[in-house]
Amino acid sequence: MKLPHGCTIRDLTTHGDERGSLTEIFRLEWGAGIEPVQWNFVRSTANVLRGVHVHVIHSDYLVCLEGTLVLALSDIRPESPTRGLATTIALKGSSMQAALIPPGVAHGFHFPEPSSLCYSVSHYWNAIDEIGCRWDDPALGLDWQVSDPELSPRDTTAGSAAEMTRQYLAVREQLRTGRE
């Protein structure tokens, strides 16, 4: 499976015995491509879809702890060698994998079953860094294999992928030139 440039999937090692198990989900020495400043925990019921959104500033590092997370990725960076690449990958709590998503890769999460997600970010939340679009916009090139997911009000009323890309590029340019 090909991933957008800068995205990685890391297999995590679980150590178990008769009492249970322990899995290290992050170590700075791994060179995972992120130095987290904040960790978040998300619990979702079955058929919830979160996103699609893209960040100009921060990277995400995520691990599905329980259940299944269908991670959708669409590279909107004009300079990326994988520009336009779109893919989905299933991360399962039973497999313990970590995913890194760099700025400029639009992403969303579908939980086909009740699931738990732990994720970190490289920068604190900033409203300018929250840019989204409709999850089912054909321009994203994503094959979700779901037709009627549960969405938040924000995701239900999100705009087009073209508008998200225009906004991403405008914010990126503002930040590059020091204008906000």
C-alpha atoms as a PDB file:
ATOM      1  CA  MET A   1       0.000   0.000   0.000  1.00  0.00           C
ATOM      2  CA  LYS A   2       1.344   3.398  -0.970  1.00  0.00           C
ATOM      3  CA  LEU A   3       0.960   6.242   1.530  1.00  0.00           C
ATOM      4  CA  PRO A   4       1.193   9.992   0.958  1.00  0.00           C
ATOM      5  CA  HIS A   5       4.748  11.313   1.302  1.00  0.00           C
ATOM      6  CA  GLY A   6       5.641  11.764   4.994  1.00  0.00           C
ATOM      7  CA  CYS A   7       2.879   9.495   6.292  1.00  0.00           C
ATOM      8  CA  THR A   8       4.045   6.393   8.111  1.00  0.00           C
ATOM      9  CA  ILE A   9       2.509   3.341   9.709  1.00  0.00           C
ATOM     10  CA  ARG A  10       4.529   1.774  12.535  1.00  0.00           C
ATOM     11  CA  ASP A  11       3.870  -1.686  13.944  1.00  0.00           C
ATOM     12  CA  LEU A  12       3.943  -1.552  17.727  1.00  0.00           C
ATOM     13  CA  THR A  13       5.154  -4.410  19.914  1.00  0.00           C
ATOM     14  CA  THR A  14       2.878  -5.777  22.601  1.00  0.00           C
ATOM     15  CA  HIS A  15       4.313  -7.705  25.536  1.00  0.00           C
ATOM     16  CA  GLY A  16       1.825  -9.983  27.206  1.00  0.00           C
ATOM     17  CA  ASP A  17       1.556 -12.536  29.943  1.00  0.00           C
ATOM     18  CA  GLU A  18      -1.234 -14.155  31.956  1.00  0.00           C
ATOM     19  CA  ARG A  19      -2.026 -10.778  33.612  1.00  0.00           C
ATOM     20  CA  GLY A  20      -2.564  -8.842  30.389  1.00  0.00           C
ATOM     21  CA  SER A  21      -0.303  -6.815  28.145  1.00  0.00           C
ATOM     22  CA  LEU A  22       1.758  -3.659  27.708  1.00  0.00           C
ATOM     23  CA  THR A  23       2.334  -1.797  24.435  1.00  0.00           C
ATOM     24  CA  GLU A  24       4.623   1.202  24.122  1.00  0.00           C
ATOM     25  CA  ILE A  25       2.767   3.531  21.784  1.00  0.00           C
ATOM     26  CA  PHE A  26       5.376   6.276  21.505  1.00  0.00           C
ATOM     27  CA  ARG A  27       9.044   6.845  22.229  1.00  0.00           C
ATOM     28  CA  LEU A  28      10.836  10.025  21.211  1.00  0.00           C
ATOM     29  CA  GLU A  29      13.925   7.964  20.323  1.00  0.00           C
ATOM     30  CA  TRP A  30      11.966   6.200  17.558  1.00  0.00           C
ATOM     31  CA  GLY A  31      12.226   9.323  15.426  1.00  0.00           C
ATOM     32  CA  ALA A  32       8.520   9.052  14.709  1.00  0.00           C
ATOM     33  CA  GLY A  33       8.457  12.447  13.007  1.00  0.00           C
ATOM     34  CA  ILE A  34       6.624  14.236  15.812  1.00  0.00           C
ATOM     35  CA  GLU A  35       7.392  15.718  19.211  1.00  0.00           C
ATOM     36  CA  PRO A  36       3.947  15.741  20.844  1.00  0.00           C
ATOM     37  CA  VAL A  37       2.750  18.685  22.922  1.00  0.00           C
ATOM     38  CA  GLN A  38      -0.712  17.265  23.602  1.00  0.00           C
ATOM     39  CA  TRP A  39      -2.374  13.826  23.747  1.00  0.00           C
ATOM     40  CA  ASN A  40      -6.102  13.229  23.192  1.00  0.00           C
ATOM     41  CA  PHE A  41      -8.419  10.263  23.636  1.00  0.00           C
ATOM     42  CA  VAL A  42     -11.474   9.702  21.428  1.00  0.00           C
ATOM     43  CA  ARG A  43     -14.185   7.112  21.998  1.00  0.00           C
ATOM     44  CA  SER A  44     -16.635   6.598  19.117  1.00  0.00           C
ATOM     45  CA  THR A  45     -19.739   4.511  18.647  1.00  0.00           C
ATOM     46  CA  ALA A  46     -20.255   2.362  15.550  1.00  0.00           C
ATOM     47  CA  ASN A  47     -20.524   4.093  12.153  1.00  0.00           C
ATOM     48  CA  VAL A  48     -19.115   7.447  13.294  1.00  0.00           C
ATOM     49  CA  LEU A  49     -17.090   9.388  10.741  1.00  0.00           C
ATOM     50  CA  ARG A  50     -14.881  12.306  11.833  1.00  0.00           C
ATOM     51  CA  GLY A  51     -13.493  14.654   9.184  1.00  0.00           C
ATOM     52  CA  VAL A  52     -12.240  15.253   6.594  1.00  0.00           C
ATOM     53  CA  HIS A  53      -9.795  17.948   7.701  1.00  0.00           C
ATOM     54  CA  VAL A  54      -6.270  19.130   7.002  1.00  0.00           C
ATOM     55  CA  HIS A  55      -3.706  21.016   9.065  1.00  0.00           C
ATOM     56  CA  VAL A  56      -1.188  23.616   7.949  1.00  0.00           C
ATOM     57  CA  ILE A  57       0.775  23.620  11.186  1.00  0.00           C
ATOM     58  CA  HIS A  58       0.514  20.389  13.113  1.00  0.00           C
ATOM     59  CA  SER A  59       1.195  16.710  12.569  1.00  0.00           C
ATOM     60  CA  ASP A  60      -0.952  13.957  14.081  1.00  0.00           C
ATOM     61  CA  TYR A  61       0.303  10.689  15.568  1.00  0.00           C
ATOM     62  CA  LEU A  62      -2.469   8.197  16.267  1.00  0.00           C
ATOM     63  CA  VAL A  63      -3.084   4.712  17.576  1.00  0.00           C
ATOM     64  CA  CYS A  64      -6.356   2.789  17.522  1.00  0.00           C
ATOM     65  CA  LEU A  65      -6.519   1.193  20.968  1.00  0.00           C
ATOM     66  CA  GLU A  66      -9.772  -0.768  20.618  1.00  0.00           C
ATOM     67  CA  GLY A  67     -12.008  -1.600  17.697  1.00  0.00           C
ATOM     68  CA  THR A  68     -11.300  -0.473  14.136  1.00  0.00           C
ATOM     69  CA  LEU A  69     -10.339   2.870  12.654  1.00  0.00           C
ATOM     70  CA  VAL A  70     -10.532   3.315   8.896  1.00  0.00           C
ATOM     71  CA  LEU A  71      -8.024   6.077   8.271  1.00  0.00           C
ATOM     72  CA  ALA A  72      -8.542   7.989   5.026  1.00  0.00           C
ATOM     73  CA  LEU A  73      -5.674  10.062   3.624  1.00  0.00           C
ATOM     74  CA  SER A  74      -5.626  12.470   0.661  1.00  0.00           C
ATOM     75  CA  ASP A  75      -2.459  14.421  -0.180  1.00  0.00           C
ATOM     76  CA  ILE A  76      -3.342  18.023  -1.158  1.00  0.00           C
ATOM     77  CA  ARG A  77       0.208  19.479  -1.035  1.00  0.00           C
ATOM     78  CA  PRO A  78       1.073  20.889  -4.492  1.00  0.00           C
ATOM     79  CA  GLU A  79       4.819  20.242  -4.054  1.00  0.00           C
ATOM     80  CA  SER A  80       4.419  16.678  -2.757  1.00  0.00           C
ATOM     81  CA  PRO A  81       5.691  13.770  -4.872  1.00  0.00           C
ATOM     82  CA  THR A  82       2.437  12.005  -3.936  1.00  0.00           C
ATOM     83  CA  ARG A  83       0.086  14.941  -4.619  1.00  0.00           C
ATOM     84  CA  GLY A  84      -3.410  13.623  -5.295  1.00  0.00           C
ATOM     85  CA  LEU A  85      -2.707  10.212  -3.766  1.00  0.00           C
ATOM     86  CA  ALA A  86      -5.684   9.006  -1.768  1.00  0.00           C
ATOM     87  CA  THR A  87      -5.917   5.829   0.277  1.00  0.00           C
ATOM     88  CA  THR A  88      -7.662   4.214   3.205  1.00  0.00           C
ATOM     89  CA  ILE A  89      -6.095   1.897   5.735  1.00  0.00           C
ATOM     90  CA  ALA A  90      -7.724  -0.035   8.562  1.00  0.00           C
ATOM     91  CA  LEU A  91      -5.984   0.257  11.912  1.00  0.00           C
ATOM     92  CA  LYS A  92      -7.179  -2.274  14.472  1.00  0.00           C
ATOM     93  CA  GLY A  93      -6.743  -2.165  18.200  1.00  0.00           C
ATOM     94  CA  SER A  94      -5.854  -5.846  18.058  1.00  0.00           C
ATOM     95  CA  SER A  95      -2.901  -5.087  15.730  1.00  0.00           C
ATOM     96  CA  MET A  96      -1.493  -2.015  17.530  1.00  0.00           C
ATOM     97  CA  GLN A  97      -0.116   0.243  14.818  1.00  0.00           C
ATOM     98  CA  ALA A  98       0.716   3.933  14.952  1.00  0.00           C
ATOM     99  CA  ALA A  99       0.130   6.345  12.062  1.00  0.00           C
ATOM    100  CA  LEU A 100       1.846   9.685  11.447  1.00  0.00           C
ATOM    101  CA  ILE A 101       0.015  12.301   9.362  1.00  0.00           C
ATOM    102  CA  PRO A 102       2.023  15.398   8.372  1.00  0.00           C
ATOM    103  CA  PRO A 103       0.576  18.834   7.538  1.00  0.00           C
ATOM    104  CA  GLY A 104      -1.036  19.005   4.117  1.00  0.00           C
ATOM    105  CA  VAL A 105      -2.442  15.483   4.123  1.00  0.00           C
ATOM    106  CA  ALA A 106      -6.220  15.664   4.481  1.00  0.00           C
ATOM    107  CA  HIS A 107      -7.558  12.921   6.712  1.00  0.00           C
ATOM    108  CA  GLY A 108     -10.655  11.529   8.305  1.00  0.00           C
ATOM    109  CA  PHE A 109     -11.607   8.642  10.542  1.00  0.00           C
ATOM    110  CA  HIS A 110     -14.437   6.140  10.190  1.00  0.00           C
ATOM    111  CA  PHE A 111     -15.203   3.794  13.066  1.00  0.00           C
ATOM    112  CA  PRO A 112     -17.249   0.833  11.751  1.00  0.00           C
ATOM    113  CA  GLU A 113     -17.560  -0.530  15.296  1.00  0.00           C
ATOM    114  CA  PRO A 114     -17.279   0.997  18.777  1.00  0.00           C
ATOM    115  CA  SER A 115     -13.643   2.094  18.985  1.00  0.00           C
ATOM    116  CA  SER A 116     -11.089   4.049  20.992  1.00  0.00           C
ATOM    117  CA  LEU A 117      -8.393   6.274  19.499  1.00  0.00           C
ATOM    118  CA  CYS A 118      -5.432   7.919  21.193  1.00  0.00           C
ATOM    119  CA  TYR A 119      -3.654  10.652  19.276  1.00  0.00           C
ATOM    120  CA  SER A 120      -1.094  13.362  19.779  1.00  0.00           C
ATOM    121  CA  VAL A 121      -0.386  16.608  17.992  1.00  0.00           C
ATOM    122  CA  SER A 122       2.865  18.457  17.388  1.00  0.00           C
ATOM    123  CA  HIS A 123       1.383  21.920  18.135  1.00  0.00           C
ATOM    124  CA  TYR A 124      -1.401  23.165  20.380  1.00  0.00           C
ATOM    125  CA  TRP A 125      -4.846  23.661  18.852  1.00  0.00           C
ATOM    126  CA  ASN A 126      -5.183  26.807  16.752  1.00  0.00           C
ATOM    127  CA  ALA A 127      -8.390  27.764  14.899  1.00  0.00           C
ATOM    128  CA  ILE A 128      -6.384  28.763  11.816  1.00  0.00           C
ATOM    129  CA  ASP A 129      -5.140  25.152  11.611  1.00  0.00           C
ATOM    130  CA  GLU A 130      -8.610  23.544  11.435  1.00  0.00           C
ATOM    131  CA  ILE A 131      -9.647  23.363   7.781  1.00  0.00           C
ATOM    132  CA  GLY A 132     -12.213  20.834   6.620  1.00  0.00           C
ATOM    133  CA  CYS A 133     -14.449  19.633   3.820  1.00  0.00           C
ATOM    134  CA  ARG A 134     -17.216  17.137   3.109  1.00  0.00           C
ATOM    135  CA  TRP A 135     -16.097  13.588   3.783  1.00  0.00           C
ATOM    136  CA  ASP A 136     -17.646  12.321   0.549  1.00  0.00           C
ATOM    137  CA  ASP A 137     -16.394  14.985  -1.888  1.00  0.00           C
ATOM    138  CA  PRO A 138     -15.299  13.017  -5.002  1.00  0.00           C
ATOM    139  CA  ALA A 139     -12.303  15.351  -5.454  1.00  0.00           C
ATOM    140  CA  LEU A 140     -10.684  13.704  -2.411  1.00  0.00           C
ATOM    141  CA  GLY A 141     -10.498  10.377  -4.251  1.00  0.00           C
ATOM    142  CA  LEU A 142     -11.406   8.424  -1.114  1.00  0.00           C
ATOM    143  CA  ASP A 143     -13.244   5.089  -1.183  1.00  0.00           C
ATOM    144  CA  TRP A 144     -14.762   4.986   2.294  1.00  0.00           C
ATOM    145  CA  GLN A 145     -16.991   1.974   1.561  1.00  0.00           C
ATOM    146  CA  VAL A 146     -19.661   3.524   3.772  1.00  0.00           C
ATOM    147  CA  SER A 147     -22.771   5.380   2.662  1.00  0.00           C
ATOM    148  CA  ASP A 148     -24.546   6.893   5.659  1.00  0.00           C
ATOM    149  CA  PRO A 149     -22.190   7.531   8.598  1.00  0.00           C
ATOM    150  CA  GLU A 150     -22.927   9.502  11.778  1.00  0.00           C
ATOM    151  CA  LEU A 151     -21.464  12.986  11.373  1.00  0.00           C
ATOM    152  CA  SER A 152     -21.026  16.010  13.628  1.00  0.00           C
ATOM    153  CA  PRO A 153     -22.953  19.169  12.710  1.00  0.00           C
ATOM    154  CA  ARG A 154     -19.648  20.728  11.591  1.00  0.00           C
ATOM    155  CA  ASP A 155     -18.837  17.811   9.289  1.00  0.00           C
ATOM    156  CA  THR A 156     -22.395  17.747   7.913  1.00  0.00           C
ATOM    157  CA  THR A 157     -22.160  21.375   6.768  1.00  0.00           C
ATOM    158  CA  ALA A 158     -18.511  21.354   5.634  1.00  0.00           C
ATOM    159  CA  GLY A 159     -17.656  22.803   2.218  1.00  0.00           C
ATOM    160  CA  SER A 160     -15.943  21.339  -0.817  1.00  0.00           C
ATOM    161  CA  ALA A 161     -12.496  19.784  -1.099  1.00  0.00           C
ATOM    162  CA  ALA A 162     -11.582  22.540  -3.580  1.00  0.00           C
ATOM    163  CA  GLU A 163     -12.437  25.211  -0.999  1.00  0.00           C
ATOM    164  CA  MET A 164     -10.503  23.321   1.711  1.00  0.00           C
ATOM    165  CA  THR A 165      -7.451  23.191  -0.566  1.00  0.00           C
ATOM    166  CA  ARG A 166      -7.715  26.912  -1.408  1.00  0.00           C
ATOM    167  CA  GLN A 167      -7.969  27.756   2.298  1.00  0.00           C
ATOM    168  CA  TYR A 168      -5.050  25.447   3.181  1.00  0.00           C
ATOM    169  CA  LEU A 169      -2.829  27.134   0.574  1.00  0.00           C
ATOM    170  CA  ALA A 170      -3.891  30.643   1.669  1.00  0.00           C
ATOM    171  CA  VAL A 171      -3.189  29.951   5.355  1.00  0.00           C
ATOM    172  CA  ARG A 172       0.120  28.292   4.495  1.00  0.00           C
ATOM    173  CA  GLU A 173       1.148  31.368   2.504  1.00  0.00           C
ATOM    174  CA  GLN A 174       0.042  33.710   5.311  1.00  0.00           C
ATOM    175  CA  LEU A 175       2.123  31.785   7.819  1.00  0.00           C
ATOM    176  CA  ARG A 176       5.114  31.635   5.455  1.00  0.00           C
ATOM    177  CA  THR A 177       5.107  35.400   4.960  1.00  0.00           C
ATOM    178  CA  GLY A 178       4.311  36.178   8.609  1.00  0.00           C
ATOM    179  CA  ARG A 179       0.818  37.573   7.977  1.00  0.00           C
ATOM    180  CA  GLU A 180      -2.126  36.279  10.034  1.00  0.00           C
END
